[in-house]
Amino acid sequence: MKLYIGGAYQGQIELAKQENPDAEIYPDFHETIRKAVLAEGQDPRAFARTFIQEYPGAVIAANEVGAGVVPLLAEDRAFREAVGRALCVIAQEAEQVTRCVCGIGVRIK
């Protein structure tokens, strides 16, 4: 499993595709987490563990959503927390974690 993270529009999806041309990329994974956790009520860590078991070779691209000003709405705060918790589990299990800034990937694991 590989994880590509970065701020919005920083090029993590493009970098994931470039470095893994034959792999299925799971783009905008933060939105997948939003649907599973907030809409369907799953625990973010449990969702991540299940995803890892079902897709061990996945290449995931996600936005970092936890930086910046804390949102006023409770729903937005819950979303940030869910994404952070799920991506922590995925990052721990991933063979590679790359942070993308301005289209440049920096390996952090």
C-alpha atoms as a PDB file:
ATOM      1  CA  MET A   1       0.000   0.000   0.000  1.00  0.00           C
ATOM      2  CA  LYS A   2       1.168   3.498  -0.842  1.00  0.00           C
ATOM      3  CA  LEU A   3      -0.181   6.779   0.488  1.00  0.00           C
ATOM      4  CA  TYR A   4       0.207  10.166  -1.212  1.00  0.00           C
ATOM      5  CA  ILE A   5      -0.903  13.141   0.854  1.00  0.00           C
ATOM      6  CA  GLY A   6      -0.811  16.897   0.425  1.00  0.00           C
ATOM      7  CA  GLY A   7      -2.875  20.021   0.515  1.00  0.00           C
ATOM      8  CA  ALA A   8      -5.640  20.623  -1.982  1.00  0.00           C
ATOM      9  CA  TYR A   9      -4.367  20.866  -5.562  1.00  0.00           C
ATOM     10  CA  GLN A  10      -0.760  20.054  -4.631  1.00  0.00           C
ATOM     11  CA  GLY A  11      -0.404  17.297  -7.223  1.00  0.00           C
ATOM     12  CA  GLN A  12      -0.610  14.143  -5.122  1.00  0.00           C
ATOM     13  CA  ILE A  13      -2.973  12.405  -7.548  1.00  0.00           C
ATOM     14  CA  GLU A  14      -0.787  13.200 -10.546  1.00  0.00           C
ATOM     15  CA  LEU A  15       2.353  12.084  -8.697  1.00  0.00           C
ATOM     16  CA  ALA A  16       0.687   8.835  -7.636  1.00  0.00           C
ATOM     17  CA  LYS A  17      -0.277   8.143 -11.257  1.00  0.00           C
ATOM     18  CA  GLN A  18       3.195   9.015 -12.517  1.00  0.00           C
ATOM     19  CA  GLU A  19       4.974   6.769 -10.008  1.00  0.00           C
ATOM     20  CA  ASN A  20       2.444   3.917 -10.287  1.00  0.00           C
ATOM     21  CA  PRO A  21       1.296   3.927 -13.924  1.00  0.00           C
ATOM     22  CA  ASP A  22      -0.276   0.464 -13.857  1.00  0.00           C
ATOM     23  CA  ALA A  23      -1.866   0.665 -10.416  1.00  0.00           C
ATOM     24  CA  GLU A  24      -5.426   1.533  -9.545  1.00  0.00           C
ATOM     25  CA  ILE A  25      -5.319   4.897  -7.807  1.00  0.00           C
ATOM     26  CA  TYR A  26      -7.857   5.787  -5.118  1.00  0.00           C
ATOM     27  CA  PRO A  27      -8.013   9.591  -5.559  1.00  0.00           C
ATOM     28  CA  ASP A  28      -9.630  12.037  -3.148  1.00  0.00           C
ATOM     29  CA  PHE A  29      -9.627   9.351  -0.480  1.00  0.00           C
ATOM     30  CA  HIS A  30     -10.547  11.960   2.137  1.00  0.00           C
ATOM     31  CA  GLU A  31     -13.972  12.095   0.474  1.00  0.00           C
ATOM     32  CA  THR A  32     -14.252   8.302   0.655  1.00  0.00           C
ATOM     33  CA  ILE A  33     -13.607   8.612   4.372  1.00  0.00           C
ATOM     34  CA  ARG A  34     -16.248  11.356   4.626  1.00  0.00           C
ATOM     35  CA  LYS A  35     -18.852   9.082   3.059  1.00  0.00           C
ATOM     36  CA  ALA A  36     -17.967   5.988   5.082  1.00  0.00           C
ATOM     37  CA  VAL A  37     -17.524   7.667   8.435  1.00  0.00           C
ATOM     38  CA  LEU A  38     -19.885  10.623   8.480  1.00  0.00           C
ATOM     39  CA  ALA A  39     -22.659   9.398   6.176  1.00  0.00           C
ATOM     40  CA  GLU A  40     -22.605   5.728   7.149  1.00  0.00           C
ATOM     41  CA  GLY A  41     -21.456   6.099  10.759  1.00  0.00           C
ATOM     42  CA  GLN A  42     -18.402   3.842  10.614  1.00  0.00           C
ATOM     43  CA  ASP A  43     -15.475   4.238  12.996  1.00  0.00           C
ATOM     44  CA  PRO A  44     -12.621   5.859  11.015  1.00  0.00           C
ATOM     45  CA  ARG A  45      -9.946   3.490  12.314  1.00  0.00           C
ATOM     46  CA  ALA A  46     -12.098   0.427  11.685  1.00  0.00           C
ATOM     47  CA  PHE A  47     -12.874   1.694   8.185  1.00  0.00           C
ATOM     48  CA  ALA A  48      -9.153   2.113   7.492  1.00  0.00           C
ATOM     49  CA  ARG A  49      -8.284  -1.364   8.813  1.00  0.00           C
ATOM     50  CA  THR A  50     -11.014  -2.951   6.691  1.00  0.00           C
ATOM     51  CA  PHE A  51      -9.830  -1.047   3.618  1.00  0.00           C
ATOM     52  CA  ILE A  52      -6.240  -2.203   4.216  1.00  0.00           C
ATOM     53  CA  GLN A  53      -7.358  -5.832   4.447  1.00  0.00           C
ATOM     54  CA  GLU A  54      -9.512  -5.616   1.312  1.00  0.00           C
ATOM     55  CA  TYR A  55      -7.042  -3.594  -0.808  1.00  0.00           C
ATOM     56  CA  PRO A  56      -3.503  -4.340   0.448  1.00  0.00           C
ATOM     57  CA  GLY A  57      -1.863  -3.074  -2.756  1.00  0.00           C
ATOM     58  CA  ALA A  58      -3.866   0.148  -2.991  1.00  0.00           C
ATOM     59  CA  VAL A  59      -2.343   3.448  -4.033  1.00  0.00           C
ATOM     60  CA  ILE A  60      -4.185   6.165  -2.122  1.00  0.00           C
ATOM     61  CA  ALA A  61      -4.146   9.910  -2.753  1.00  0.00           C
ATOM     62  CA  ALA A  62      -5.739  12.166  -0.151  1.00  0.00           C
ATOM     63  CA  ASN A  63      -5.831  15.785   0.886  1.00  0.00           C
ATOM     64  CA  GLU A  64      -4.494  16.877   4.231  1.00  0.00           C
ATOM     65  CA  VAL A  65      -7.512  18.468   5.839  1.00  0.00           C
ATOM     66  CA  GLY A  66      -6.290  19.055   9.378  1.00  0.00           C
ATOM     67  CA  ALA A  67      -4.142  22.140   8.890  1.00  0.00           C
ATOM     68  CA  GLY A  68      -5.328  25.698   9.251  1.00  0.00           C
ATOM     69  CA  VAL A  69      -8.132  27.301  11.185  1.00  0.00           C
ATOM     70  CA  VAL A  70     -10.410  24.991  13.140  1.00  0.00           C
ATOM     71  CA  PRO A  71     -13.816  24.936  11.436  1.00  0.00           C
ATOM     72  CA  LEU A  72     -16.817  26.459  13.194  1.00  0.00           C
ATOM     73  CA  LEU A  73     -19.231  23.674  12.266  1.00  0.00           C
ATOM     74  CA  ALA A  74     -19.134  20.495  14.316  1.00  0.00           C
ATOM     75  CA  GLU A  75     -19.639  18.419  11.162  1.00  0.00           C
ATOM     76  CA  ASP A  76     -16.532  19.923   9.566  1.00  0.00           C
ATOM     77  CA  ARG A  77     -14.496  19.291  12.720  1.00  0.00           C
ATOM     78  CA  ALA A  78     -15.709  15.679  12.782  1.00  0.00           C
ATOM     79  CA  PHE A  79     -14.676  15.284   9.142  1.00  0.00           C
ATOM     80  CA  ARG A  80     -11.143  16.547   9.846  1.00  0.00           C
ATOM     81  CA  GLU A  81     -10.817  14.269  12.832  1.00  0.00           C
ATOM     82  CA  ALA A  82     -12.099  11.217  10.927  1.00  0.00           C
ATOM     83  CA  VAL A  83      -9.704  11.789   8.033  1.00  0.00           C
ATOM     84  CA  GLY A  84      -6.785  12.230  10.412  1.00  0.00           C
ATOM     85  CA  ARG A  85      -7.568   9.082  12.370  1.00  0.00           C
ATOM     86  CA  ALA A  86      -8.116   6.945   9.251  1.00  0.00           C
ATOM     87  CA  LEU A  87      -4.996   8.196   7.481  1.00  0.00           C
ATOM     88  CA  CYS A  88      -2.869   7.575  10.584  1.00  0.00           C
ATOM     89  CA  VAL A  89      -3.846   3.900  10.449  1.00  0.00           C
ATOM     90  CA  ILE A  90      -3.205   3.726   6.703  1.00  0.00           C
ATOM     91  CA  ALA A  91       0.159   5.503   7.014  1.00  0.00           C
ATOM     92  CA  GLN A  92       1.295   3.112   9.727  1.00  0.00           C
ATOM     93  CA  GLU A  93       0.576   0.114   7.520  1.00  0.00           C
ATOM     94  CA  ALA A  94       1.726   1.617   4.207  1.00  0.00           C
ATOM     95  CA  GLU A  95       5.039   0.579   2.705  1.00  0.00           C
ATOM     96  CA  GLN A  96       5.476   4.132   1.417  1.00  0.00           C
ATOM     97  CA  VAL A  97       4.092   7.532   2.406  1.00  0.00           C
ATOM     98  CA  THR A  98       4.789  10.538   0.192  1.00  0.00           C
ATOM     99  CA  ARG A  99       3.875  14.134   0.960  1.00  0.00           C
ATOM    100  CA  CYS A 100       3.345  16.241  -2.125  1.00  0.00           C
ATOM    101  CA  VAL A 101       3.954  20.001  -2.165  1.00  0.00           C
ATOM    102  CA  CYS A 102       3.787  21.987  -5.409  1.00  0.00           C
ATOM    103  CA  GLY A 103       3.925  18.753  -7.379  1.00  0.00           C
ATOM    104  CA  ILE A 104       7.125  17.591  -5.684  1.00  0.00           C
ATOM    105  CA  GLY A 105       6.969  14.401  -3.668  1.00  0.00           C
ATOM    106  CA  VAL A 106       8.877  14.070  -0.422  1.00  0.00           C
ATOM    107  CA  ARG A 107       9.041  10.555   0.987  1.00  0.00           C
ATOM    108  CA  ILE A 108       8.285  10.530   4.683  1.00  0.00           C
ATOM    109  CA  LYS A 109       8.179   6.753   4.971  1.00  0.00           C
END
